[in-house]
Structure formats: structure tokens, C-alpha cells
Amino acid sequence: MTSCVRVELPAHLRLLAGVGQEIVVSLTGPVTQRTVLDALEADHPMLKGTIRDRTSKLRRPFIRFFACEEDLSHLSPDDTLPVAVIDGQEPLLVVGAIAGG
């Protein structure tokens, strides 16, 4: 079964990748943070190292993942994403954390 997952990137990454607000990645097999990011980086290699570390493949500290009004940032990269994301009803949001005081 092929899933089409909608991904929304922060403005600076959209500019870097030369894409619009939403990107659709096609996946076969399990739909996890890891498989979505693997597909996203395969389609847009300029994003490698921006969302997750190139070597460890771990999420960068100031990047967060949200979907279905839930913070998915601390889930395992191999956990299955919510059904609404897999079905394309809801996007996976990649958000740059805002720090400051």
C-alpha cells in the first residue's frame, strides 16, 4: 500500500528546498518519522542535516514534529504516525522551535 504523507516545513526550510508550504511524499510500507524524513531528504537532498543530524539521524534540538494537535517530537523515530497523517487528512508539521525571553 502506498501512502501520500503531507509535510509542512518552516519558512526557512521551504526557501532552502525551493518548495511551497506543503510537500507530499509517497511511501510504501510503514509510515514513521524516519521513513517520512528519509523520503523527504531523498526528494530534497538540500534538506539533509537541517531537520536531523546527518550521522546520527536524530532530530535537531530546535526542530519539533506535530500532527493532529499532538507533539510527536519525543516519540521514537520508528513509531507509526497517526492514521490521519498516513491517510493524508492531516499534515506532519516540522516546526522550528522559538527560543528567547
Protein backbone atom coordinates (compact mmCIF):
# COMPACT_ATOMS: atom_id res chain seq x y z
CA MET A 1 0.00 0.00 0.00
CA THR A 2 1.28 3.45 -0.90
CA SER A 3 0.70 6.37 1.46
CA CYS A 4 0.93 10.00 0.48
CA VAL A 5 2.01 11.99 3.53
CA ARG A 6 1.67 15.76 3.61
CA VAL A 7 4.59 17.57 5.24
CA GLU A 8 4.71 21.25 6.15
CA LEU A 9 8.11 22.85 6.67
CA PRO A 10 9.09 26.11 8.36
CA ALA A 11 9.65 29.05 6.03
CA HIS A 12 13.46 28.91 6.04
CA LEU A 13 13.47 25.23 5.02
CA ARG A 14 10.83 25.82 2.33
CA LEU A 15 13.07 28.55 0.92
CA LEU A 16 16.13 26.26 1.04
CA ALA A 17 14.27 23.43 -0.70
CA GLY A 18 12.50 25.74 -3.15
CA VAL A 19 9.09 24.32 -2.32
CA GLY A 20 5.69 25.61 -1.27
CA GLN A 21 4.15 25.36 2.15
CA GLU A 22 3.26 21.72 1.75
CA ILE A 23 5.21 18.79 0.29
CA VAL A 24 3.69 15.39 -0.42
CA VAL A 25 5.94 12.35 -0.05
CA SER A 26 4.93 8.90 -1.23
CA LEU A 27 5.81 5.93 0.93
CA THR A 28 5.35 2.21 0.71
CA GLY A 29 5.48 0.27 3.94
CA PRO A 30 5.43 1.67 7.45
CA VAL A 31 4.84 5.40 7.86
CA THR A 32 7.09 6.68 10.62
CA GLN A 33 9.02 9.87 11.27
CA ARG A 34 12.11 8.07 9.96
CA THR A 35 10.54 6.88 6.70
CA VAL A 36 8.92 10.25 6.04
CA LEU A 37 12.19 12.11 6.64
CA ASP A 38 14.12 9.57 4.55
CA ALA A 39 11.71 10.17 1.65
CA LEU A 40 11.75 13.93 2.17
CA GLU A 41 15.57 14.03 2.11
CA ALA A 42 15.69 11.74 -0.93
CA ASP A 43 13.37 14.09 -2.83
CA HIS A 44 15.05 17.26 -1.49
CA PRO A 45 18.70 16.44 -0.67
CA MET A 46 19.41 20.04 0.33
CA LEU A 47 17.40 19.34 3.50
CA LYS A 48 19.88 16.70 4.72
CA GLY A 49 21.36 17.81 8.02
CA THR A 50 18.76 20.52 8.60
CA ILE A 51 15.96 18.57 10.28
CA ARG A 52 18.07 15.79 11.74
CA ASP A 53 21.75 15.14 12.21
CA ARG A 54 23.42 13.70 9.10
CA THR A 55 25.25 10.98 11.03
CA SER A 56 23.02 10.00 13.94
CA LYS A 57 19.76 10.75 12.08
CA LEU A 58 18.38 12.17 15.35
CA ARG A 59 16.10 15.20 15.34
CA ARG A 60 17.94 18.51 15.72
CA PRO A 61 17.27 20.08 19.17
CA PHE A 62 15.36 23.10 17.87
CA ILE A 63 13.15 21.14 15.48
CA ARG A 64 9.81 19.76 16.65
CA PHE A 65 7.25 17.49 14.99
CA PHE A 66 3.50 17.93 15.40
CA ALA A 67 0.45 16.24 13.94
CA CYS A 68 -3.19 16.00 14.96
CA GLU A 69 -2.60 18.63 17.67
CA GLU A 70 0.00 16.40 19.34
CA ASP A 71 3.72 16.92 19.88
CA LEU A 72 5.39 13.88 18.30
CA SER A 73 8.92 15.16 18.89
CA HIS A 74 9.80 12.76 21.67
CA LEU A 75 8.34 9.64 20.12
CA SER A 76 10.67 7.06 18.67
CA PRO A 77 11.53 7.80 15.02
CA ASP A 78 10.22 4.30 14.28
CA ASP A 79 6.78 4.76 15.88
CA THR A 80 3.94 4.72 13.40
CA LEU A 81 2.48 8.16 12.72
CA PRO A 82 -1.21 8.84 13.44
CA VAL A 83 -3.69 7.34 10.98
CA ALA A 84 -4.89 10.80 9.91
CA VAL A 85 -1.32 11.60 8.76
CA ILE A 86 -0.96 8.28 6.98
CA ASP A 87 -4.29 8.85 5.22
CA GLY A 88 -3.26 12.36 4.17
CA GLN A 89 -6.02 14.04 6.16
CA GLU A 90 -3.56 15.84 8.44
CA PRO A 91 -0.04 17.07 7.66
CA LEU A 92 3.10 16.28 9.61
CA LEU A 93 4.30 19.68 10.78
CA VAL A 94 8.03 20.30 11.06
CA VAL A 95 8.38 23.34 13.28
CA GLY A 96 11.43 25.33 14.22
CA ALA A 97 11.35 25.97 17.96
CA ILE A 98 11.37 29.58 19.06
CA ALA A 99 13.69 30.42 21.92
CA GLY A 100 14.16 33.63 23.74
CA GLY A 101 12.92 35.53 26.67
